Each structure stands twice: as C-alpha cells, then as structure tokens.
C-alpha cells in the first residue's frame, strides 16, 4: 500500500504544473553608466547601449564594437541628467534617422533628430524637435519610443508591447508609492490622466483637483518598503528564447534591484510574481531586434533574460 501511495504521489508530481524559473545571463560589461538599450530591425545583429555621459556604443554578441555617436560636448550628466534615450525611425533602413533625448548644458531637455551614414551617427545632421525648460534636475523623463503607427512618444519609463501596441508606463512616485500604468492600443490617442499629483499610486497625495482626461488607476503598485525607491519600467517579452516569459511584462526597482513580471488580463494585472534574481542599480530595460529582453545598470553592465 505504501509503495502504491508513493507511486501515485510521484505520478501526481510529474503531472503538476511546474513554474519555470527564469534566470539572468551576463551579456556585457565595461561600459559607462547606462540609461537605455535600443535596437532596430534594420541591423538585427547590433544592440545599442546609451551611456549617461553622452555616448551611444554598439555591441555585437555582447562585445563593444564601436561608438555610434559621441555627444558628450553637448550634455550635462549626473544624477538623473544626461543622454537618456535613443529611438530609431521605423524606416531607419532607408532614411537613417534616429532620435535622442538628452539634458543640455543648461539643464534643459532636448529631443534631437540625427542621421547616420555607414553605421555611424553624424553630429552635423542635428535637427531639434523639442525643447523643454526644466526647473529641477530630477524626474526629467527621457524615454523615447515609436508606436506601431510611426508616432514618436517622449516620456519616462514608457514601453510598447511590440505584439499589439499596448502601452505600459513605469510611473515613478514622489514619496511612498511606485506604479505601473497600462493603456490598451485601442485607447491610445484619447486623453488619459494617471492621477499625479492628486494621487500617488492608489493613495491620495494632495488636495489638487484631478486635471482633464479620463482618470486611469494603476494596474500595479508597490511601496518603498524592502529598500524600494524608484520603479524602472520595462517591456512585454515577445522573444523566442524563453518560452516561459512570453507575454509577461517585466519591470523592477532601481534601489532594491527586485524584478517583477505580470500579465494583463481584462485590463488588470494578473499572475504577478517576483523573479528569482535581482539587478542592482537597475536603470533600464531594452529589447533586441528579435524581442529578447535585456537589463542595464548604472555601473555599465548588461544582462540578458534566460530560461
């Protein structure tokens, strides 16, 4: 009887669903403090690493192969300022246009278009698209993303789901709460209000009246307990290398290094889990042309999501 029970238990264990453990693989190191990772389908073998001090380096198979563009003479860097993002035009293969967001010498934000030739960015082609005067040196944003319709978005911690165009926003809090906001592709284009500074997360922050636009509550919040301090927004994994991660949105916290992932079901967060690894000084997530997911750090390291 005991042998039969043991056999049945063993069979049940084999049939029980197993939660696949994800892992991180070191991909590159020796870079400057990183603020973003980017790619373009026009160059599927290249991964671009944005250094806060003002350079964009390109990597092939985890090795730095050269400097794509050097803007250090135009940039103020340190704290939350510097060269913050790069985005390649959807038609980059033909027009060679790319866009950067940086903090200028006076501490203000500039979004500038450049062009490249023979795989190198040309500083002489600069064309300013946006200038924003910044009253403070923190919370200046910096993320650049193109949507499925070729529109360029300027924000902070934003990322689109490449499979369907849904928008995910890592919304940094001021005092106690960090949040993840979500907007389905069908609703993008209608004015949405994510609550600040009336709300921080789901908590009332001030008596400031909620401004215009449809009020949209966060799909997930976490507090500053456990050494958390600042959300780093990420991406929905759509690569082929890690089957267990497909369809999950990954994000983390800069101070604690904790990485979470979740799914969106019926407009709400579901199956939220804390992943079994941490990334200290987590500054950014990025995707390569195949949809594989990377994580960047303030000490110049890049990690790749694995199974």
Protein backbone atom coordinates (compact mmCIF):
# COMPACT_ATOMS: atom_id res chain seq x y z
CA UNK A 1 0.00 0.00 0.00
CA UNK A 2 2.81 2.39 0.91
CA UNK A 3 4.51 1.67 -2.41
CA UNK A 4 1.24 2.37 -4.27
CA UNK A 5 0.78 5.69 -2.46
CA UNK A 6 4.37 6.66 -3.21
CA UNK A 7 3.88 5.77 -6.87
CA UNK A 8 0.67 7.84 -7.05
CA UNK A 9 2.36 10.82 -5.39
CA UNK A 10 5.27 10.62 -7.80
CA UNK A 11 2.89 10.50 -10.76
CA UNK A 12 0.95 13.47 -9.41
CA UNK A 13 4.17 15.43 -9.04
CA UNK A 14 5.01 14.76 -12.67
CA UNK A 15 1.56 15.93 -13.78
CA UNK A 16 1.51 19.06 -11.58
CA UNK A 17 2.22 22.30 -13.42
CA UNK A 18 5.77 23.49 -12.88
CA UNK A 19 6.64 27.19 -12.65
CA UNK A 20 9.63 27.60 -14.89
CA UNK A 21 12.42 29.51 -13.18
CA UNK A 22 13.82 32.35 -15.22
CA UNK A 23 17.43 33.44 -14.98
CA UNK A 24 19.80 36.23 -15.96
CA UNK A 25 22.87 35.80 -18.11
CA UNK A 26 25.70 38.36 -18.09
CA UNK A 27 25.83 39.86 -21.58
CA UNK A 28 28.27 42.79 -21.48
CA UNK A 29 30.30 44.88 -19.05
CA UNK A 30 32.87 47.66 -19.01
CA UNK A 31 30.52 50.34 -20.32
CA UNK A 32 29.80 53.69 -18.70
CA UNK A 33 26.69 54.23 -16.58
CA UNK A 34 23.80 53.11 -18.79
CA UNK A 35 20.45 54.80 -19.28
CA UNK A 36 18.92 52.86 -22.19
CA UNK A 37 19.24 49.91 -24.54
CA UNK A 38 17.87 50.01 -28.08
CA UNK A 39 17.83 48.16 -31.39
CA UNK A 40 16.50 48.43 -34.91
CA UNK A 41 15.27 45.67 -37.26
CA UNK A 42 17.49 47.26 -39.92
CA UNK A 43 20.53 45.97 -38.02
CA UNK A 44 19.43 42.74 -36.32
CA UNK A 45 22.91 41.90 -35.01
CA UNK A 46 23.51 45.22 -33.26
CA UNK A 47 22.47 46.23 -29.76
CA UNK A 48 22.85 49.90 -28.84
CA UNK A 49 23.87 50.93 -25.31
CA UNK A 50 23.26 54.53 -24.23
CA UNK A 51 25.83 55.87 -21.76
CA UNK A 52 24.63 58.65 -19.47
CA UNK A 53 27.77 60.71 -20.10
CA UNK A 54 26.85 61.14 -23.77
CA UNK A 55 27.99 58.25 -25.94
CA UNK A 56 25.99 55.55 -27.72
CA UNK A 57 28.01 52.38 -28.11
CA UNK A 58 27.04 49.45 -30.31
CA UNK A 59 27.54 45.83 -29.38
CA UNK A 60 27.56 42.60 -31.37
CA UNK A 61 27.27 39.31 -29.47
CA UNK A 62 27.97 41.03 -26.16
CA UNK A 63 31.13 42.84 -27.23
CA UNK A 64 31.50 46.58 -27.77
CA UNK A 65 32.40 47.11 -31.42
CA UNK A 66 32.45 50.89 -31.61
CA UNK A 67 30.95 54.28 -30.80
CA UNK A 68 27.83 55.11 -32.81
CA UNK A 69 27.77 58.78 -31.79
CA UNK A 70 29.51 60.89 -29.14
CA UNK A 71 27.51 63.85 -27.76
CA UNK A 72 29.47 64.49 -24.59
CA UNK A 73 30.25 68.08 -25.60
CA UNK A 74 26.50 68.94 -25.59
CA UNK A 75 25.38 67.20 -22.43
CA UNK A 76 25.17 67.69 -18.68
CA UNK A 77 25.30 64.32 -16.93
CA UNK A 78 24.96 63.09 -13.37
CA UNK A 79 22.08 62.17 -11.10
CA UNK A 80 19.06 61.85 -13.39
CA UNK A 81 20.51 64.00 -16.18
CA UNK A 82 22.50 63.06 -19.25
CA UNK A 83 21.97 61.24 -22.53
CA UNK A 84 18.80 59.38 -21.65
CA UNK A 85 17.44 57.52 -24.66
CA UNK A 86 17.69 56.71 -28.36
CA UNK A 87 14.97 55.58 -30.76
CA UNK A 88 15.41 54.53 -34.37
CA UNK A 89 12.90 55.59 -37.01
CA UNK A 90 10.65 52.71 -38.15
CA UNK A 91 12.02 53.29 -41.67
CA UNK A 92 15.63 53.60 -40.48
CA UNK A 93 16.82 51.14 -43.11
CA UNK A 94 16.07 53.77 -45.78
CA UNK A 95 16.15 57.18 -44.10
CA UNK A 96 18.86 56.51 -41.44
CA UNK A 97 17.11 58.79 -38.94
CA UNK A 98 17.41 58.32 -35.19
CA UNK A 99 16.37 60.40 -32.20
CA UNK A 100 17.95 61.14 -28.84
CA UNK A 101 16.73 62.72 -25.62
CA UNK A 102 19.36 64.49 -23.54
CA UNK A 103 19.97 67.13 -20.87
CA UNK A 104 21.78 70.12 -22.35
CA UNK A 105 24.48 72.26 -20.71
CA UNK A 106 21.83 74.46 -19.08
CA UNK A 107 19.95 71.51 -17.56
CA UNK A 108 17.05 71.54 -20.02
CA UNK A 109 15.66 68.69 -22.12
CA UNK A 110 16.22 68.45 -25.86
CA UNK A 111 14.90 65.85 -28.30
CA UNK A 112 17.04 65.93 -31.44
CA UNK A 113 16.98 64.06 -34.74
CA UNK A 114 20.22 62.86 -36.32
CA UNK A 115 21.09 60.78 -39.37
CA UNK A 116 23.68 58.09 -39.81
CA UNK A 117 25.97 57.02 -42.62
CA UNK A 118 27.77 53.68 -42.89
CA UNK A 119 26.67 52.69 -39.40
CA UNK A 120 27.84 55.87 -37.63
CA UNK A 121 25.74 58.78 -36.37
CA UNK A 122 26.54 62.21 -37.82
CA UNK A 123 26.51 65.13 -35.37
CA UNK A 124 26.36 67.61 -38.25
CA UNK A 125 22.84 66.44 -39.17
CA UNK A 126 21.26 67.56 -35.86
CA UNK A 127 17.68 68.88 -36.06
CA UNK A 128 15.95 69.84 -32.82
CA UNK A 129 12.37 68.59 -32.44
CA UNK A 130 11.57 69.50 -28.85
CA UNK A 131 12.91 71.80 -26.14
CA UNK A 132 11.59 71.63 -22.56
CA UNK A 133 12.83 74.02 -19.88
CA UNK A 134 13.42 72.00 -16.70
CA UNK A 135 13.01 73.69 -13.29
CA UNK A 136 14.62 70.79 -11.41
CA UNK A 137 17.41 68.31 -12.04
CA UNK A 138 15.34 65.20 -11.23
CA UNK A 139 12.28 63.49 -12.74
CA UNK A 140 13.03 64.91 -16.18
CA UNK A 141 11.89 61.79 -18.03
CA UNK A 142 13.86 60.84 -21.09
CA UNK A 143 12.31 57.75 -22.69
CA UNK A 144 11.74 57.71 -26.47
CA UNK A 145 9.55 55.11 -28.18
CA UNK A 146 7.87 54.78 -31.57
CA UNK A 147 4.40 53.24 -31.67
CA UNK A 148 3.03 50.96 -34.38
CA UNK A 149 1.83 53.96 -36.40
CA UNK A 150 5.24 55.63 -36.51
CA UNK A 151 4.47 58.27 -33.87
CA UNK A 152 7.30 59.22 -31.52
CA UNK A 153 6.46 59.30 -27.80
CA UNK A 154 8.53 61.22 -25.26
CA UNK A 155 8.04 60.21 -21.65
CA UNK A 156 9.54 58.35 -18.72
CA UNK A 157 9.63 54.60 -18.29
CA UNK A 158 7.29 54.00 -21.22
CA UNK A 159 7.33 50.89 -23.37
CA UNK A 160 5.03 49.47 -26.02
CA UNK A 161 4.10 45.81 -26.40
CA UNK A 162 5.54 45.04 -29.83
CA UNK A 163 2.89 42.36 -30.44
CA UNK A 164 -0.21 44.55 -30.12
CA UNK A 165 0.80 48.17 -29.44
CA UNK A 166 -0.41 48.30 -25.82
CA UNK A 167 1.34 50.97 -23.74
CA UNK A 168 2.96 50.25 -20.35
CA UNK A 169 4.28 53.06 -18.14
CA UNK A 170 6.62 52.77 -15.18
CA UNK A 171 5.43 55.79 -13.17
CA UNK A 172 7.96 56.97 -10.56
CA UNK A 173 6.45 58.14 -7.28
CA UNK A 174 7.43 61.07 -5.10
CA UNK A 175 7.16 59.76 -1.56
CA UNK A 176 5.93 56.23 -0.91
CA UNK A 177 4.38 54.51 -3.95
CA UNK A 178 5.62 53.35 -7.35
CA UNK A 179 3.16 52.32 -10.03
CA UNK A 180 2.66 50.58 -13.34
CA UNK A 181 0.11 52.12 -15.69
CA UNK A 182 -1.43 50.39 -18.69
CA UNK A 183 -3.25 51.65 -21.75
CA UNK A 184 -4.59 49.25 -24.43
CA UNK A 185 -3.73 50.13 -28.00
CA UNK A 186 -7.37 50.88 -28.83
CA UNK A 187 -7.47 53.63 -26.16
CA UNK A 188 -4.20 55.34 -27.09
CA UNK A 189 -4.94 58.74 -28.57
CA UNK A 190 -7.69 59.56 -26.08
CA UNK A 191 -6.56 61.83 -23.25
CA UNK A 192 -5.79 59.83 -20.10
CA UNK A 193 -4.94 61.14 -16.63
CA UNK A 194 -2.86 58.84 -14.41
CA UNK A 195 -3.52 60.84 -11.28
CA UNK A 196 -0.42 62.78 -10.27
CA UNK A 197 -0.37 64.90 -8.19
CA UNK A 198 -3.81 64.15 -6.86
CA UNK A 199 -2.84 60.52 -6.35
CA UNK A 200 0.43 58.71 -5.83
CA UNK A 201 -0.24 55.12 -6.76
CA UNK A 202 -3.73 54.47 -5.41
CA UNK A 203 -3.23 56.73 -2.37
CA UNK A 204 -4.45 60.30 -2.15
CA UNK A 205 -1.39 62.57 -2.29
CA UNK A 206 -2.78 66.10 -2.22
CA UNK A 207 -5.94 68.17 -2.50
CA UNK A 208 -5.02 69.18 -6.03
CA UNK A 209 -8.07 68.64 -8.27
CA UNK A 210 -7.69 65.94 -10.89
CA UNK A 211 -6.97 67.57 -14.23
CA UNK A 212 -8.53 66.88 -17.63
CA UNK A 213 -8.71 63.47 -19.24
CA UNK A 214 -10.10 60.12 -18.24
CA UNK A 215 -8.87 59.08 -14.80
CA UNK A 216 -6.92 55.83 -15.09
CA UNK A 217 -5.86 53.91 -11.98
CA UNK A 218 -2.58 51.96 -11.95
CA UNK A 219 -2.70 48.24 -12.62
CA UNK A 220 0.01 47.58 -10.03
CA UNK A 221 1.66 49.50 -7.19
CA UNK A 222 4.46 48.75 -4.75
CA UNK A 223 5.67 50.69 -1.73
CA UNK A 224 9.10 51.87 -0.65
CA UNK A 225 9.33 49.03 1.85
CA UNK A 226 12.11 46.45 1.35
CA UNK A 227 14.52 49.14 0.12
CA UNK A 228 12.42 50.03 -2.94
CA UNK A 229 12.70 53.62 -4.17
CA UNK A 230 12.09 54.07 -7.90
CA UNK A 231 10.34 51.92 -10.49
CA UNK A 232 12.18 51.08 -13.71
CA UNK A 233 9.65 50.31 -16.44
CA UNK A 234 10.32 47.55 -18.93
CA UNK A 235 8.76 45.56 -21.75
CA UNK A 236 6.44 42.68 -22.52
CA UNK A 237 8.66 39.77 -23.52
CA UNK A 238 7.99 38.69 -27.11
CA UNK A 239 11.20 36.83 -27.90
CA UNK A 240 11.57 33.15 -28.73
CA UNK A 241 14.40 32.15 -26.43
CA UNK A 242 12.45 31.97 -23.14
CA UNK A 243 9.04 30.38 -23.69
CA UNK A 244 8.00 30.77 -20.04
CA UNK A 245 8.36 34.56 -20.26
CA UNK A 246 6.27 35.18 -23.39
CA UNK A 247 3.51 37.71 -22.79
CA UNK A 248 4.81 38.81 -19.39
CA UNK A 249 5.60 42.47 -18.65
CA UNK A 250 8.90 42.88 -16.77
CA UNK A 251 9.78 45.81 -14.51
CA UNK A 252 11.94 46.44 -11.47
CA UNK A 253 13.17 48.82 -8.79
CA UNK A 254 16.37 50.83 -9.04
CA UNK A 255 17.37 50.63 -5.36
CA UNK A 256 16.35 47.13 -4.30
CA UNK A 257 17.12 45.52 -7.66
CA UNK A 258 13.93 43.47 -7.39
CA UNK A 259 12.47 42.30 -10.71
CA UNK A 260 8.77 41.56 -11.10
CA UNK A 261 6.68 40.33 -14.01
CA UNK A 262 2.95 40.22 -14.63
CA UNK A 263 0.33 39.58 -17.27
CA UNK A 264 -2.56 41.82 -18.24
CA UNK A 265 -5.92 40.06 -18.31
CA UNK A 266 -9.12 42.00 -18.98
CA UNK A 267 -7.27 45.25 -18.34
CA UNK A 268 -5.95 44.23 -14.91
CA UNK A 269 -2.67 42.83 -13.58
CA UNK A 270 -2.70 39.06 -13.09
CA UNK A 271 -0.18 36.40 -12.12
CA UNK A 272 2.20 38.96 -10.58
CA UNK A 273 5.41 37.35 -9.44
CA UNK A 274 8.76 38.36 -8.05
CA UNK A 275 11.51 36.85 -10.16
CA UNK A 276 14.32 34.83 -8.53
CA UNK A 277 17.08 37.34 -9.30
CA UNK A 278 17.98 40.95 -8.62
CA UNK A 279 19.73 43.59 -10.71
CA UNK A 280 21.48 46.19 -8.58
CA UNK A 281 21.34 49.78 -9.85
CA UNK A 282 18.74 48.84 -12.48
CA UNK A 283 18.47 51.79 -14.86
CA UNK A 284 16.75 50.43 -17.95
CA UNK A 285 15.32 47.53 -19.91
CA UNK A 286 15.75 47.02 -23.64
CA UNK A 287 14.92 44.68 -26.50
CA UNK A 288 16.97 43.48 -29.43
CA UNK A 289 15.53 43.13 -32.92
CA UNK A 290 14.30 39.61 -32.11
CA UNK A 291 12.44 40.68 -28.97
CA UNK A 292 14.91 39.24 -26.46
CA UNK A 293 14.99 41.21 -23.20
CA UNK A 294 17.97 42.96 -21.60
CA UNK A 295 18.53 44.87 -18.36
CA UNK A 296 21.07 47.68 -17.91
CA UNK A 297 22.76 49.05 -14.80
CA UNK A 298 24.36 52.22 -13.54
CA UNK A 299 27.75 50.52 -13.39
CA UNK A 300 27.85 49.69 -17.09
CA UNK A 301 26.62 46.10 -17.13
CA UNK A 302 24.02 44.45 -19.36
CA UNK A 303 22.17 41.24 -18.51
CA UNK A 304 20.04 39.09 -20.80
CA UNK A 305 16.91 37.23 -19.72
CA UNK A 306 17.29 33.46 -19.90
CA UNK A 307 15.39 30.33 -19.02
